[in-house]
Amino acid sequence: VCRTERTPGPGDAADQNFDYMFKLLIIGNSSVGKTSLLFRYADDSFTSAFVSTVGIDFKVKTVYRNEKRVKLQIWVRWGLVLVH
């Protein structure tokens, strides 16, 4: 069972009070719902009026798992990603 903390405020991205931190990158084809997924998970909100992401969207969410504070940095990247 995963318990969620409050939605982070502007200063929370720099908050160093956590047991674990994971950085997640969501990539995929254009207009498939990457940003919608980000907002739904991080803010528990949904809107059908999203404009295409230009550059990168970023959210921070803190959850508790097995009595540990886990900080998630979630990034959404638009466009072609070249991996060599």
PDB file of N, CA and C in Angstrom:
ATOM      1  N   VAL A   1       0.852  -1.174   0.000  1.00  0.00           N
ATOM      2  CA  VAL A   1       0.000   0.000   0.000  1.00  0.00           C
ATOM      3  C   VAL A   1       0.892   1.229   0.000  1.00  0.00           C
ATOM      4  N   CYS A   2       0.552   2.148  -0.848  1.00  0.00           N
ATOM      5  CA  CYS A   2       1.335   3.365  -1.015  1.00  0.00           C
ATOM      6  C   CYS A   2       0.503   4.548  -0.546  1.00  0.00           C
ATOM      7  N   ARG A   3       1.030   5.326   0.391  1.00  0.00           N
ATOM      8  CA  ARG A   3       0.334   6.492   0.921  1.00  0.00           C
ATOM      9  C   ARG A   3       0.962   7.731   0.313  1.00  0.00           C
ATOM     10  N   THR A   4       0.125   8.666  -0.107  1.00  0.00           N
ATOM     11  CA  THR A   4       0.595   9.872  -0.781  1.00  0.00           C
ATOM     12  C   THR A   4       0.609  11.046   0.172  1.00  0.00           C
ATOM     13  N   GLU A   5       1.662  11.850   0.058  1.00  0.00           N
ATOM     14  CA  GLU A   5       1.759  13.091   0.811  1.00  0.00           C
ATOM     15  C   GLU A   5       1.056  14.188   0.031  1.00  0.00           C
ATOM     16  N   ARG A   6       0.933  15.361   0.598  1.00  0.00           N
ATOM     17  CA  ARG A   6       0.295  16.495  -0.056  1.00  0.00           C
ATOM     18  C   ARG A   6       0.988  16.801  -1.377  1.00  0.00           C
ATOM     19  N   THR A   7       0.283  17.552  -2.212  1.00  0.00           N
ATOM     20  CA  THR A   7       0.869  17.998  -3.471  1.00  0.00           C
ATOM     21  C   THR A   7       1.985  18.988  -3.160  1.00  0.00           C
ATOM     22  N   PRO A   8       3.167  18.787  -3.735  1.00  0.00           N
ATOM     23  CA  PRO A   8       4.295  19.659  -3.431  1.00  0.00           C
ATOM     24  C   PRO A   8       4.071  21.096  -3.870  1.00  0.00           C
ATOM     25  N   GLY A   9       4.662  22.012  -3.121  1.00  0.00           N
ATOM     26  CA  GLY A   9       4.621  23.422  -3.463  1.00  0.00           C
ATOM     27  C   GLY A   9       5.872  23.806  -4.235  1.00  0.00           C
ATOM     28  N   PRO A  10       6.047  25.089  -4.515  1.00  0.00           N
ATOM     29  CA  PRO A  10       7.164  25.546  -5.338  1.00  0.00           C
ATOM     30  C   PRO A  10       8.540  25.192  -4.790  1.00  0.00           C
ATOM     31  N   GLY A  11       8.714  25.179  -3.475  1.00  0.00           N
ATOM     32  CA  GLY A  11      10.026  24.895  -2.901  1.00  0.00           C
ATOM     33  C   GLY A  11      10.313  23.426  -2.683  1.00  0.00           C
ATOM     34  N   ASP A  12       9.344  22.557  -2.960  1.00  0.00           N
ATOM     35  CA  ASP A  12       9.507  21.145  -2.646  1.00  0.00           C
ATOM     36  C   ASP A  12      10.449  20.404  -3.577  1.00  0.00           C
ATOM     37  N   ALA A  13      10.680  20.912  -4.767  1.00  0.00           N
ATOM     38  CA  ALA A  13      11.594  20.233  -5.692  1.00  0.00           C
ATOM     39  C   ALA A  13      13.001  20.171  -5.101  1.00  0.00           C
ATOM     40  N   ALA A  14      13.369  21.144  -4.264  1.00  0.00           N
ATOM     41  CA  ALA A  14      14.686  21.173  -3.645  1.00  0.00           C
ATOM     42  C   ALA A  14      14.693  20.516  -2.260  1.00  0.00           C
ATOM     43  N   ASP A  15      13.556  20.024  -1.800  1.00  0.00           N
ATOM     44  CA  ASP A  15      13.447  19.389  -0.486  1.00  0.00           C
ATOM     45  C   ASP A  15      14.347  18.160  -0.430  1.00  0.00           C
ATOM     46  N   GLN A  16      15.249  18.117   0.516  1.00  0.00           N
ATOM     47  CA  GLN A  16      16.199  17.008   0.638  1.00  0.00           C
ATOM     48  C   GLN A  16      15.793  16.010   1.719  1.00  0.00           C
ATOM     49  N   ASN A  17      14.585  16.121   2.248  1.00  0.00           N
ATOM     50  CA  ASN A  17      14.126  15.256   3.325  1.00  0.00           C
ATOM     51  C   ASN A  17      13.371  14.054   2.752  1.00  0.00           C
ATOM     52  N   PHE A  18      14.113  13.007   2.337  1.00  0.00           N
ATOM     53  CA  PHE A  18      13.502  11.797   1.798  1.00  0.00           C
ATOM     54  C   PHE A  18      14.462  10.634   2.003  1.00  0.00           C
ATOM     55  N   ASP A  19      13.927   9.431   1.963  1.00  0.00           N
ATOM     56  CA  ASP A  19      14.749   8.229   2.100  1.00  0.00           C
ATOM     57  C   ASP A  19      15.267   7.744   0.751  1.00  0.00           C
ATOM     58  N   TYR A  20      14.425   7.853  -0.269  1.00  0.00           N
ATOM     59  CA  TYR A  20      14.785   7.434  -1.621  1.00  0.00           C
ATOM     60  C   TYR A  20      14.286   8.471  -2.611  1.00  0.00           C
ATOM     61  N   MET A  21      15.003   8.592  -3.731  1.00  0.00           N
ATOM     62  CA  MET A  21      14.535   9.463  -4.801  1.00  0.00           C
ATOM     63  C   MET A  21      14.673   8.710  -6.120  1.00  0.00           C
ATOM     64  N   PHE A  22      13.614   8.765  -6.916  1.00  0.00           N
ATOM     65  CA  PHE A  22      13.621   8.169  -8.237  1.00  0.00           C
ATOM     66  C   PHE A  22      13.317   9.254  -9.256  1.00  0.00           C
ATOM     67  N   LYS A  23      14.054   9.249 -10.340  1.00  0.00           N
ATOM     68  CA  LYS A  23      13.807  10.168 -11.448  1.00  0.00           C
ATOM     69  C   LYS A  23      13.241   9.340 -12.591  1.00  0.00           C
ATOM     70  N   LEU A  24      12.033   9.682 -13.010  1.00  0.00           N
ATOM     71  CA  LEU A  24      11.340   8.944 -14.053  1.00  0.00           C
ATOM     72  C   LEU A  24      11.201   9.823 -15.286  1.00  0.00           C
ATOM     73  N   LEU A  25      11.449   9.264 -16.445  1.00  0.00           N
ATOM     74  CA  LEU A  25      11.303   9.977 -17.702  1.00  0.00           C
ATOM     75  C   LEU A  25      10.253   9.269 -18.535  1.00  0.00           C
ATOM     76  N   ILE A  26       9.208  10.006 -18.906  1.00  0.00           N
ATOM     77  CA  ILE A  26       8.149   9.464 -19.745  1.00  0.00           C
ATOM     78  C   ILE A  26       8.390   9.971 -21.163  1.00  0.00           C
ATOM     79  N   ILE A  27       8.601   9.040 -22.087  1.00  0.00           N
ATOM     80  CA  ILE A  27       8.793   9.411 -23.486  1.00  0.00           C
ATOM     81  C   ILE A  27       7.825   8.597 -24.338  1.00  0.00           C
ATOM     82  N   GLY A  28       7.514   9.107 -25.497  1.00  0.00           N
ATOM     83  CA  GLY A  28       6.617   8.387 -26.389  1.00  0.00           C
ATOM     84  C   GLY A  28       6.222   9.248 -27.559  1.00  0.00           C
ATOM     85  N   ASN A  29       5.384   8.703 -28.402  1.00  0.00           N
ATOM     86  CA  ASN A  29       4.905   9.410 -29.583  1.00  0.00           C
ATOM     87  C   ASN A  29       4.120  10.654 -29.187  1.00  0.00           C
ATOM     88  N   SER A  30       3.985  11.578 -30.118  1.00  0.00           N
ATOM     89  CA  SER A  30       3.228  12.808 -29.882  1.00  0.00           C
ATOM     90  C   SER A  30       1.751  12.505 -29.672  1.00  0.00           C
ATOM     91  N   SER A  31       1.126  13.293 -28.817  1.00  0.00           N
ATOM     92  CA  SER A  31      -0.334  13.274 -28.605  1.00  0.00           C
ATOM     93  C   SER A  31      -0.886  11.930 -28.135  1.00  0.00           C
ATOM     94  N   VAL A  32      -0.123  11.223 -27.279  1.00  0.00           N
ATOM     95  CA  VAL A  32      -0.618   9.949 -26.750  1.00  0.00           C
ATOM     96  C   VAL A  32      -1.052  10.040 -25.289  1.00  0.00           C
ATOM     97  N   GLY A  33      -0.814  11.203 -24.637  1.00  0.00           N
ATOM     98  CA  GLY A  33      -1.285  11.392 -23.272  1.00  0.00           C
ATOM     99  C   GLY A  33      -0.217  11.361 -22.203  1.00  0.00           C
ATOM    100  N   LYS A  34       1.032  11.602 -22.554  1.00  0.00           N
ATOM    101  CA  LYS A  34       2.117  11.586 -21.565  1.00  0.00           C
ATOM    102  C   LYS A  34       1.912  12.660 -20.492  1.00  0.00           C
ATOM    103  N   THR A  35       1.599  13.878 -20.917  1.00  0.00           N
ATOM    104  CA  THR A  35       1.385  14.963 -19.961  1.00  0.00           C
ATOM    105  C   THR A  35       0.118  14.732 -19.153  1.00  0.00           C
ATOM    106  N   SER A  36      -0.911  14.193 -19.764  1.00  0.00           N
ATOM    107  CA  SER A  36      -2.137  13.865 -19.026  1.00  0.00           C
ATOM    108  C   SER A  36      -1.855  12.836 -17.937  1.00  0.00           C
ATOM    109  N   LEU A  37      -1.042  11.835 -18.267  1.00  0.00           N
ATOM    110  CA  LEU A  37      -0.648  10.826 -17.284  1.00  0.00           C
ATOM    111  C   LEU A  37       0.115  11.466 -16.124  1.00  0.00           C
ATOM    112  N   LEU A  38       1.036  12.366 -16.454  1.00  0.00           N
ATOM    113  CA  LEU A  38       1.816  13.075 -15.436  1.00  0.00           C
ATOM    114  C   LEU A  38       0.908  13.840 -14.485  1.00  0.00           C
ATOM    115  N   PHE A  39       0.010  14.653 -15.020  1.00  0.00           N
ATOM    116  CA  PHE A  39      -0.873  15.464 -14.176  1.00  0.00           C
ATOM    117  C   PHE A  39      -1.856  14.597 -13.391  1.00  0.00           C
ATOM    118  N   ARG A  40      -2.351  13.536 -13.999  1.00  0.00           N
ATOM    119  CA  ARG A  40      -3.291  12.646 -13.301  1.00  0.00           C
ATOM    120  C   ARG A  40      -2.613  11.994 -12.103  1.00  0.00           C
ATOM    121  N   TYR A  41      -1.394  11.519 -12.284  1.00  0.00           N
ATOM    122  CA  TYR A  41      -0.696  10.852 -11.188  1.00  0.00           C
ATOM    123  C   TYR A  41      -0.192  11.849 -10.136  1.00  0.00           C
ATOM    124  N   ALA A  42       0.455  12.917 -10.575  1.00  0.00           N
ATOM    125  CA  ALA A  42       1.083  13.854  -9.636  1.00  0.00           C
ATOM    126  C   ALA A  42       0.082  14.748  -8.917  1.00  0.00           C
ATOM    127  N   ASP A  43      -0.944  15.206  -9.616  1.00  0.00           N
ATOM    128  CA  ASP A  43      -1.893  16.171  -9.041  1.00  0.00           C
ATOM    129  C   ASP A  43      -3.300  15.614  -8.878  1.00  0.00           C
ATOM    130  N   ASP A  44      -3.538  14.399  -9.321  1.00  0.00           N
ATOM    131  CA  ASP A  44      -4.871  13.787  -9.316  1.00  0.00           C
ATOM    132  C   ASP A  44      -5.877  14.700 -10.024  1.00  0.00           C
ATOM    133  N   SER A  45      -5.447  15.232 -11.169  1.00  0.00           N
ATOM    134  CA  SER A  45      -6.321  16.103 -11.952  1.00  0.00           C
ATOM    135  C   SER A  45      -6.289  15.671 -13.412  1.00  0.00           C
ATOM    136  N   PHE A  46      -7.330  16.018 -14.133  1.00  0.00           N
ATOM    137  CA  PHE A  46      -7.390  15.709 -15.557  1.00  0.00           C
ATOM    138  C   PHE A  46      -8.100  16.829 -16.283  1.00  0.00           C
ATOM    139  N   THR A  47      -7.576  17.170 -17.440  1.00  0.00           N
ATOM    140  CA  THR A  47      -8.243  18.103 -18.325  1.00  0.00           C
ATOM    141  C   THR A  47      -8.021  17.627 -19.757  1.00  0.00           C
ATOM    142  N   SER A  48      -9.016  17.779 -20.562  1.00  0.00           N
ATOM    143  CA  SER A  48      -8.881  17.374 -21.965  1.00  0.00           C
ATOM    144  C   SER A  48      -8.352  18.521 -22.819  1.00  0.00           C
ATOM    145  N   ALA A  49      -8.041  19.651 -22.200  1.00  0.00           N
ATOM    146  CA  ALA A  49      -7.645  20.843 -22.936  1.00  0.00           C
ATOM    147  C   ALA A  49      -6.132  21.070 -22.966  1.00  0.00           C
ATOM    148  N   PHE A  50      -5.336  20.016 -22.839  1.00  0.00           N
ATOM    149  CA  PHE A  50      -3.891  20.192 -22.871  1.00  0.00           C
ATOM    150  C   PHE A  50      -3.423  20.628 -24.244  1.00  0.00           C
ATOM    151  N   VAL A  51      -2.454  21.527 -24.256  1.00  0.00           N
ATOM    152  CA  VAL A  51      -1.773  21.925 -25.475  1.00  0.00           C
ATOM    153  C   VAL A  51      -0.516  21.063 -25.546  1.00  0.00           C
ATOM    154  N   SER A  52      -0.044  20.759 -26.730  1.00  0.00           N
ATOM    155  CA  SER A  52       1.154  19.927 -26.869  1.00  0.00           C
ATOM    156  C   SER A  52       2.298  20.485 -26.044  1.00  0.00           C
ATOM    157  N   THR A  53       3.016  19.589 -25.387  1.00  0.00           N
ATOM    158  CA  THR A  53       4.162  19.975 -24.573  1.00  0.00           C
ATOM    159  C   THR A  53       5.280  20.471 -25.472  1.00  0.00           C
ATOM    160  N   VAL A  54       5.863  21.604 -25.099  1.00  0.00           N
ATOM    161  CA  VAL A  54       7.018  22.129 -25.809  1.00  0.00           C
ATOM    162  C   VAL A  54       8.190  22.039 -24.845  1.00  0.00           C
ATOM    163  N   GLY A  55       9.129  21.176 -25.145  1.00  0.00           N
ATOM    164  CA  GLY A  55      10.275  20.989 -24.260  1.00  0.00           C
ATOM    165  C   GLY A  55      10.010  19.888 -23.261  1.00  0.00           C
ATOM    166  N   ILE A  56       9.966  20.256 -21.974  1.00  0.00           N
ATOM    167  CA  ILE A  56       9.838  19.270 -20.901  1.00  0.00           C
ATOM    168  C   ILE A  56       8.829  19.751 -19.865  1.00  0.00           C
ATOM    169  N   ASP A  57       7.963  18.856 -19.411  1.00  0.00           N
ATOM    170  CA  ASP A  57       7.125  19.092 -18.233  1.00  0.00           C
ATOM    171  C   ASP A  57       7.747  18.325 -17.085  1.00  0.00           C
ATOM    172  N   PHE A  58       7.553  18.814 -15.853  1.00  0.00           N
ATOM    173  CA  PHE A  58       8.219  18.250 -14.683  1.00  0.00           C
ATOM    174  C   PHE A  58       7.304  18.358 -13.482  1.00  0.00           C
ATOM    175  N   LYS A  59       7.192  17.298 -12.723  1.00  0.00           N
ATOM    176  CA  LYS A  59       6.417  17.313 -11.481  1.00  0.00           C
ATOM    177  C   LYS A  59       7.188  16.547 -10.418  1.00  0.00           C
ATOM    178  N   VAL A  60       6.954  16.891  -9.170  1.00  0.00           N
ATOM    179  CA  VAL A  60       7.525  16.171  -8.036  1.00  0.00           C
ATOM    180  C   VAL A  60       6.375  15.645  -7.196  1.00  0.00           C
ATOM    181  N   LYS A  61       6.482  14.389  -6.804  1.00  0.00           N
ATOM    182  CA  LYS A  61       5.472  13.787  -5.936  1.00  0.00           C
ATOM    183  C   LYS A  61       6.198  12.986  -4.875  1.00  0.00           C
ATOM    184  N   THR A  62       5.724  13.082  -3.657  1.00  0.00           N
ATOM    185  CA  THR A  62       6.299  12.308  -2.563  1.00  0.00           C
ATOM    186  C   THR A  62       5.273  11.299  -2.093  1.00  0.00           C
ATOM    187  N   VAL A  63       5.697  10.062  -1.982  1.00  0.00           N
ATOM    188  CA  VAL A  63       4.837   8.983  -1.503  1.00  0.00           C
ATOM    189  C   VAL A  63       5.539   8.267  -0.362  1.00  0.00           C
ATOM    190  N   TYR A  64       4.774   7.548   0.435  1.00  0.00           N
ATOM    191  CA  TYR A  64       5.327   6.735   1.506  1.00  0.00           C
ATOM    192  C   TYR A  64       5.117   5.275   1.169  1.00  0.00           C
ATOM    193  N   ARG A  65       6.182   4.507   1.230  1.00  0.00           N
ATOM    194  CA  ARG A  65       6.138   3.084   0.935  1.00  0.00           C
ATOM    195  C   ARG A  65       6.967   2.358   1.994  1.00  0.00           C
ATOM    196  N   ASN A  66       6.334   1.425   2.718  1.00  0.00           N
ATOM    197  CA  ASN A  66       7.025   0.681   3.780  1.00  0.00           C
ATOM    198  C   ASN A  66       7.705   1.618   4.779  1.00  0.00           C
ATOM    199  N   GLU A  67       6.985   2.660   5.182  1.00  0.00           N
ATOM    200  CA  GLU A  67       7.440   3.644   6.163  1.00  0.00           C
ATOM    201  C   GLU A  67       8.672   4.428   5.709  1.00  0.00           C
ATOM    202  N   LYS A  68       8.888   4.495   4.421  1.00  0.00           N
ATOM    203  CA  LYS A  68       9.980   5.280   3.849  1.00  0.00           C
ATOM    204  C   LYS A  68       9.380   6.377   2.986  1.00  0.00           C
ATOM    205  N   ARG A  69      10.003   7.536   3.041  1.00  0.00           N
ATOM    206  CA  ARG A  69       9.567   8.664   2.218  1.00  0.00           C
ATOM    207  C   ARG A  69      10.279   8.574   0.874  1.00  0.00           C
ATOM    208  N   VAL A  70       9.508   8.462  -0.191  1.00  0.00           N
ATOM    209  CA  VAL A  70      10.044   8.293  -1.537  1.00  0.00           C
ATOM    210  C   VAL A  70       9.677   9.516  -2.369  1.00  0.00           C
ATOM    211  N   LYS A  71      10.679  10.184  -2.862  1.00  0.00           N
ATOM    212  CA  LYS A  71      10.470  11.363  -3.693  1.00  0.00           C
ATOM    213  C   LYS A  71      10.579  10.941  -5.155  1.00  0.00           C
ATOM    214  N   LEU A  72       9.571  11.287  -5.946  1.00  0.00           N
ATOM    215  CA  LEU A  72       9.552  10.972  -7.364  1.00  0.00           C
ATOM    216  C   LEU A  72       9.682  12.261  -8.161  1.00  0.00           C
ATOM    217  N   GLN A  73      10.684  12.337  -9.004  1.00  0.00           N
ATOM    218  CA  GLN A  73      10.795  13.425  -9.967  1.00  0.00           C
ATOM    219  C   GLN A  73      10.358  12.839 -11.296  1.00  0.00           C
ATOM    220  N   ILE A  74       9.276  13.364 -11.841  1.00  0.00           N
ATOM    221  CA  ILE A  74       8.696  12.796 -13.050  1.00  0.00           C
ATOM    222  C   ILE A  74       8.802  13.826 -14.176  1.00  0.00           C
ATOM    223  N   TRP A  75       9.446  13.420 -15.250  1.00  0.00           N
ATOM    224  CA  TRP A  75       9.692  14.287 -16.394  1.00  0.00           C
ATOM    225  C   TRP A  75       8.942  13.749 -17.604  1.00  0.00           C
ATOM    226  N   VAL A  76       8.386  14.648 -18.399  1.00  0.00           N
ATOM    227  CA  VAL A  76       7.767  14.283 -19.668  1.00  0.00           C
ATOM    228  C   VAL A  76       8.544  15.013 -20.757  1.00  0.00           C
ATOM    229  N   ARG A  77       9.028  14.261 -21.716  1.00  0.00           N
ATOM    230  CA  ARG A  77       9.848  14.807 -22.806  1.00  0.00           C
ATOM    231  C   ARG A  77       9.069  14.685 -24.097  1.00  0.00           C
ATOM    232  N   TRP A  78       9.002  15.748 -24.851  1.00  0.00           N
ATOM    233  CA  TRP A  78       8.294  15.709 -26.129  1.00  0.00           C
ATOM    234  C   TRP A  78       9.298  15.554 -27.262  1.00  0.00           C
ATOM    235  N   GLY A  79       8.802  15.174 -28.394  1.00  0.00           N
ATOM    236  CA  GLY A  79       9.606  15.143 -29.604  1.00  0.00           C
ATOM    237  C   GLY A  79      10.452  13.907 -29.742  1.00  0.00           C
ATOM    238  N   LEU A  80      11.233  13.900 -30.787  1.00  0.00           N
ATOM    239  CA  LEU A  80      12.098  12.768 -31.114  1.00  0.00           C
ATOM    240  C   LEU A  80      13.257  12.701 -30.133  1.00  0.00           C
ATOM    241  N   VAL A  81      13.437  11.558 -29.526  1.00  0.00           N
ATOM    242  CA  VAL A  81      14.542  11.341 -28.609  1.00  0.00           C
ATOM    243  C   VAL A  81      15.506  10.369 -29.287  1.00  0.00           C
ATOM    244  N   LEU A  82      16.706  10.811 -29.516  1.00  0.00           N
ATOM    245  CA  LEU A  82      17.705   9.966 -30.159  1.00  0.00           C
ATOM    246  C   LEU A  82      18.572   9.313 -29.100  1.00  0.00           C
ATOM    247  N   VAL A  83      18.668   8.005 -29.161  1.00  0.00           N
ATOM    248  CA  VAL A  83      19.489   7.252 -28.216  1.00  0.00           C
ATOM    249  C   VAL A  83      20.545   6.512 -29.020  1.00  0.00           C
ATOM    250  N   HIS A  84      21.801   6.712 -28.668  1.00  0.00           N
ATOM    251  CA  HIS A  84      22.895   6.049 -29.390  1.00  0.00           C
ATOM    252  C   HIS A  84      23.495   4.956 -28.549  1.00  0.00           C
TER     253      HIS A  84
END
